[in-house]
């Protein structure tokens, strides 16, 4: 097997104000994989993603990317930090956290401008990603006036414009209408097909089934309790109930090819 792109080696983490969240978490992710991080709300999915994005750092253990350890001290080097955040793009669950300019075009251009690219290169990148995501009609709009789905598209555009190798998304379909959710799923599948590494956190089992071949499961006590094929995990009713991802109304159809949850009247 190739050497991993991401490697968490016995990682522990806890915020200063409380109990440790993780203890001795170990996992590896290969370049080009599409991986879902599954867990109930509060299981620590967002925290684990923030470590992978180098927004927070392990209190113990090591986090390595392409065999290079990523530490807080290393990320204090502005050049290295910029390069890392160009290569590894993060889409927050709440798009409002990510959007801060007064015009969509400027929002998308902000990242490339910080890289020191020429205005001509920046403009070309912005136009390309606006066309790719079919948001030309939003270019002159104010981000804070957009719908939830439109904000998500702009947030994704502001990351894709940097041409990242890895795209990490925290609960990407939260609050989206069905049409925008379908658009996002198709986009992520296409990006992965083109070789991008995709890592998402979700408690949406249908999304996990469609997006990823591999899933990592976190328990409510913040332990990594399973790492395996998404299909096998979605068929493991006892596991899913134990981590509070399903209830007794969970159904699987067509040999695991379709998954949905609903409550009987």
Protein backbone atom coordinates (compact mmCIF):
# COMPACT_ATOMS: atom_id res chain seq x y z
CA UNK A 1 0.00 0.00 0.00
CA UNK A 2 1.14 3.54 -0.72
CA UNK A 3 2.29 5.72 2.13
CA UNK A 4 -0.69 7.52 3.69
CA UNK A 5 -1.58 11.12 2.96
CA UNK A 6 -2.92 11.66 6.50
CA UNK A 7 -1.77 9.75 9.55
CA UNK A 8 -3.03 10.26 13.09
CA UNK A 9 -0.77 8.33 15.45
CA UNK A 10 -2.17 7.89 18.98
CA UNK A 11 -3.63 11.39 18.94
CA UNK A 12 -5.20 12.82 22.07
CA UNK A 13 -6.92 16.18 22.31
CA UNK A 14 -8.82 18.19 24.87
CA UNK A 15 -9.83 21.81 25.16
CA UNK A 16 -8.23 23.61 28.11
CA UNK A 17 -11.62 24.21 29.71
CA UNK A 18 -12.75 20.61 29.94
CA UNK A 19 -12.14 16.86 29.82
CA UNK A 20 -10.11 15.29 27.02
CA UNK A 21 -12.17 14.70 23.88
CA UNK A 22 -9.97 12.08 22.23
CA UNK A 23 -7.46 9.62 23.61
CA UNK A 24 -5.10 7.55 21.46
CA UNK A 25 -6.93 7.93 18.14
CA UNK A 26 -5.02 6.31 15.27
CA UNK A 27 -6.06 6.26 11.61
CA UNK A 28 -4.68 6.67 8.11
CA UNK A 29 -6.20 8.12 4.93
CA UNK A 30 -4.75 7.54 1.47
CA UNK A 31 -4.58 10.15 -1.28
CA UNK A 32 -7.64 9.94 -3.52
CA UNK A 33 -9.91 8.28 -0.98
CA UNK A 34 -13.43 9.44 -0.19
CA UNK A 35 -14.03 8.88 3.52
CA UNK A 36 -17.02 9.55 5.76
CA UNK A 37 -16.63 10.24 9.45
CA UNK A 38 -19.84 8.99 11.04
CA UNK A 39 -21.09 9.78 14.52
CA UNK A 40 -23.94 11.28 16.47
CA UNK A 41 -23.94 14.97 17.35
CA UNK A 42 -21.31 15.60 20.02
CA UNK A 43 -19.18 12.58 19.13
CA UNK A 44 -16.23 14.77 18.18
CA UNK A 45 -16.41 14.68 14.39
CA UNK A 46 -15.83 18.41 13.95
CA UNK A 47 -12.88 18.38 16.35
CA UNK A 48 -11.22 15.56 14.44
CA UNK A 49 -11.70 17.41 11.16
CA UNK A 50 -10.18 20.58 12.63
CA UNK A 51 -7.05 18.61 13.54
CA UNK A 52 -6.80 17.39 9.94
CA UNK A 53 -7.20 20.99 8.77
CA UNK A 54 -4.45 22.19 11.15
CA UNK A 55 -6.84 24.56 12.90
CA UNK A 56 -6.15 22.84 16.22
CA UNK A 57 -3.35 20.49 17.22
CA UNK A 58 -2.99 17.25 19.23
CA UNK A 59 -2.14 17.54 22.91
CA UNK A 60 -0.45 14.15 22.60
CA UNK A 61 0.50 11.92 19.71
CA UNK A 62 1.37 12.96 16.18
CA UNK A 63 -0.50 14.18 13.10
CA UNK A 64 1.44 13.67 9.87
CA UNK A 65 0.64 14.73 6.30
CA UNK A 66 2.73 13.14 3.55
CA UNK A 67 5.01 11.89 6.37
CA UNK A 68 5.64 15.42 7.64
CA UNK A 69 4.47 16.14 11.20
CA UNK A 70 2.06 19.07 11.45
CA UNK A 71 2.50 21.03 14.66
CA UNK A 72 1.41 24.40 15.98
CA UNK A 73 5.01 25.60 15.84
CA UNK A 74 5.36 24.56 12.20
CA UNK A 75 2.12 26.32 11.27
CA UNK A 76 3.48 29.57 12.75
CA UNK A 77 5.60 29.73 9.60
CA UNK A 78 3.35 31.84 7.34
CA UNK A 79 4.62 30.32 4.11
CA UNK A 80 4.11 26.76 5.30
CA UNK A 81 0.67 27.56 6.74
CA UNK A 82 -0.50 29.20 3.50
CA UNK A 83 0.70 26.24 1.47
CA UNK A 84 -1.04 23.79 3.80
CA UNK A 85 -4.36 25.62 3.68
CA UNK A 86 -4.11 25.84 -0.09
CA UNK A 87 -3.63 22.08 -0.32
CA UNK A 88 -6.24 21.21 2.31
CA UNK A 89 -9.55 23.05 1.95
CA UNK A 90 -12.12 23.12 4.76
CA UNK A 91 -15.84 23.80 4.34
CA UNK A 92 -17.45 24.72 7.66
CA UNK A 93 -20.88 23.40 8.62
CA UNK A 94 -22.14 26.97 9.01
CA UNK A 95 -21.33 28.89 5.83
CA UNK A 96 -21.81 32.23 7.62
CA UNK A 97 -18.57 31.54 9.52
CA UNK A 98 -16.70 31.34 6.22
CA UNK A 99 -18.16 34.32 4.33
CA UNK A 100 -17.14 37.86 5.27
CA UNK A 101 -16.88 40.15 2.20
CA UNK A 102 -19.63 42.31 0.68
CA UNK A 103 -19.61 40.73 -2.81
CA UNK A 104 -19.54 37.09 -3.94
CA UNK A 105 -16.82 37.75 -6.55
CA UNK A 106 -14.57 39.29 -3.88
CA UNK A 107 -15.26 36.38 -1.53
CA UNK A 108 -14.04 33.86 -4.07
CA UNK A 109 -11.04 36.03 -5.04
CA UNK A 110 -9.85 36.52 -1.46
CA UNK A 111 -7.89 33.27 -1.13
CA UNK A 112 -5.98 33.53 -4.42
CA UNK A 113 -5.12 37.15 -3.64
CA UNK A 114 -3.59 36.04 -0.33
CA UNK A 115 -1.41 33.62 -2.30
CA UNK A 116 0.12 36.58 -4.14
CA UNK A 117 -1.20 35.67 -7.57
CA UNK A 118 -1.50 38.34 -10.25
CA UNK A 119 -4.90 39.97 -10.74
CA UNK A 120 -5.14 38.32 -14.15
CA UNK A 121 -4.60 34.84 -12.67
CA UNK A 122 -7.01 35.57 -9.82
CA UNK A 123 -9.71 36.78 -12.20
CA UNK A 124 -9.31 33.70 -14.40
CA UNK A 125 -9.57 31.35 -11.43
CA UNK A 126 -12.64 33.11 -10.08
CA UNK A 127 -14.40 33.05 -13.45
CA UNK A 128 -13.54 29.36 -13.92
CA UNK A 129 -14.94 28.29 -10.55
CA UNK A 130 -18.04 30.48 -10.90
CA UNK A 131 -18.80 28.75 -14.20
CA UNK A 132 -17.96 25.30 -12.79
CA UNK A 133 -20.42 25.72 -9.93
CA UNK A 134 -22.98 27.54 -12.11
CA UNK A 135 -23.22 30.58 -9.83
CA UNK A 136 -22.58 33.31 -12.42
CA UNK A 137 -25.88 34.90 -11.35
CA UNK A 138 -24.51 35.37 -7.81
CA UNK A 139 -21.25 37.13 -8.66
CA UNK A 140 -22.42 40.66 -7.72
CA UNK A 141 -24.63 39.63 -4.80
CA UNK A 142 -23.87 40.20 -1.11
CA UNK A 143 -23.07 36.83 0.52
CA UNK A 144 -25.05 37.57 3.69
CA UNK A 145 -28.23 38.05 1.61
CA UNK A 146 -28.02 34.65 -0.09
CA UNK A 147 -30.07 31.55 0.73
CA UNK A 148 -28.49 28.73 2.70
CA UNK A 149 -27.85 26.68 -0.43
CA UNK A 150 -26.36 29.66 -2.26
CA UNK A 151 -24.07 30.43 0.67
CA UNK A 152 -22.86 26.83 0.64
CA UNK A 153 -22.02 27.09 -3.06
CA UNK A 154 -20.06 30.31 -2.51
CA UNK A 155 -18.21 28.80 0.46
CA UNK A 156 -17.24 25.81 -1.67
CA UNK A 157 -16.20 28.10 -4.54
CA UNK A 158 -13.94 30.09 -2.21
CA UNK A 159 -12.08 26.84 -1.42
CA UNK A 160 -12.10 25.21 -4.85
CA UNK A 161 -10.60 28.35 -6.40
CA UNK A 162 -7.35 27.42 -4.60
CA UNK A 163 -7.35 24.01 -6.36
CA UNK A 164 -6.88 21.98 -3.16
CA UNK A 165 -5.72 18.36 -3.15
CA UNK A 166 -7.98 17.58 -0.19
CA UNK A 167 -11.49 18.80 0.51
CA UNK A 168 -12.77 18.42 4.08
CA UNK A 169 -16.44 19.16 4.78
CA UNK A 170 -18.19 19.31 8.14
CA UNK A 171 -21.84 18.16 7.90
CA UNK A 172 -21.99 19.45 4.31
CA UNK A 173 -25.70 18.85 3.70
CA UNK A 174 -26.93 20.38 6.96
CA UNK A 175 -29.77 22.79 6.21
CA UNK A 176 -29.68 22.28 2.44
CA UNK A 177 -32.76 21.84 0.28
CA UNK A 178 -32.96 18.53 -1.67
CA UNK A 179 -31.92 20.12 -4.99
CA UNK A 180 -28.78 21.73 -3.53
CA UNK A 181 -27.96 18.53 -1.64
CA UNK A 182 -28.11 16.54 -4.88
CA UNK A 183 -25.92 19.16 -6.57
CA UNK A 184 -23.35 18.88 -3.78
CA UNK A 185 -23.30 15.08 -3.89
CA UNK A 186 -22.72 15.11 -7.66
CA UNK A 187 -19.94 17.70 -7.25
CA UNK A 188 -18.13 15.69 -4.57
CA UNK A 189 -18.37 12.49 -6.61
CA UNK A 190 -16.93 14.28 -9.65
CA UNK A 191 -14.09 15.85 -7.64
CA UNK A 192 -13.19 12.47 -6.16
CA UNK A 193 -13.33 10.91 -9.62
CA UNK A 194 -10.78 13.54 -10.70
CA UNK A 195 -8.44 12.46 -7.89
CA UNK A 196 -9.31 14.81 -5.04
CA UNK A 197 -9.29 13.35 -1.54
CA UNK A 198 -12.70 13.91 0.07
CA UNK A 199 -13.30 13.70 3.83
CA UNK A 200 -16.72 14.52 5.25
CA UNK A 201 -18.33 14.29 8.64
CA UNK A 202 -22.01 13.42 8.77
CA UNK A 203 -24.73 11.59 10.63
CA UNK A 204 -26.68 11.32 7.35
CA UNK A 205 -26.40 7.65 6.44
CA UNK A 206 -27.82 8.10 2.95
CA UNK A 207 -25.08 10.63 2.21
CA UNK A 208 -22.41 8.28 3.54
CA UNK A 209 -23.75 5.46 1.38
CA UNK A 210 -23.59 7.55 -1.81
CA UNK A 211 -20.33 9.44 -1.20
CA UNK A 212 -17.84 7.03 0.32
CA UNK A 213 -16.59 3.47 0.14
CA UNK A 214 -14.97 3.78 3.57
CA UNK A 215 -16.36 5.03 6.85
CA UNK A 216 -14.90 5.80 10.27
CA UNK A 217 -17.35 5.57 13.17
CA UNK A 218 -17.07 7.60 16.39
CA UNK A 219 -18.99 6.67 19.50
CA UNK A 220 -20.63 9.18 21.84
CA UNK A 221 -17.67 8.62 24.17
CA UNK A 222 -15.38 9.94 21.38
CA UNK A 223 -13.79 6.59 20.53
CA UNK A 224 -13.06 5.35 17.03
CA UNK A 225 -15.07 2.14 17.21
CA UNK A 226 -15.04 1.03 13.56
CA UNK A 227 -13.07 1.63 10.37
CA UNK A 228 -14.30 -0.29 7.36
CA UNK A 229 -16.33 -0.45 4.19
CA UNK A 230 -19.29 1.93 4.32
CA UNK A 231 -21.59 -0.77 2.93
CA UNK A 232 -20.67 -3.18 5.74
CA UNK A 233 -21.04 -0.51 8.42
CA UNK A 234 -24.47 0.55 7.18
CA UNK A 235 -25.61 -3.06 7.37
CA UNK A 236 -24.34 -3.40 10.97
CA UNK A 237 -27.53 -2.51 12.81
CA UNK A 238 -26.11 -3.23 16.27
CA UNK A 239 -23.13 -0.93 15.70
CA UNK A 240 -25.28 1.92 14.36
CA UNK A 241 -27.69 1.66 17.27
CA UNK A 242 -24.82 1.54 19.77
CA UNK A 243 -23.41 4.84 18.49
CA UNK A 244 -26.90 6.41 18.32
CA UNK A 245 -27.03 6.82 14.56
CA UNK A 246 -30.27 4.88 14.07
CA UNK A 247 -33.33 3.79 15.97
CA UNK A 248 -35.63 0.81 15.59
CA UNK A 249 -37.24 2.30 12.47
CA UNK A 250 -34.07 1.95 10.40
CA UNK A 251 -34.46 0.04 7.11
CA UNK A 252 -32.14 -1.28 4.42
CA UNK A 253 -33.43 -2.13 0.96
CA UNK A 254 -32.02 -3.90 -2.10
CA UNK A 255 -29.19 -5.63 -0.32
CA UNK A 256 -27.84 -2.43 1.15
CA UNK A 257 -27.96 -0.41 -2.06
CA UNK A 258 -30.48 2.02 -0.64
CA UNK A 259 -30.65 3.27 2.94
CA UNK A 260 -33.23 5.47 4.60
CA UNK A 261 -34.65 6.28 8.00
CA UNK A 262 -38.21 7.24 8.84
CA UNK A 263 -40.71 7.10 11.65
CA UNK A 264 -43.92 5.13 11.29
CA UNK A 265 -47.14 6.93 12.10
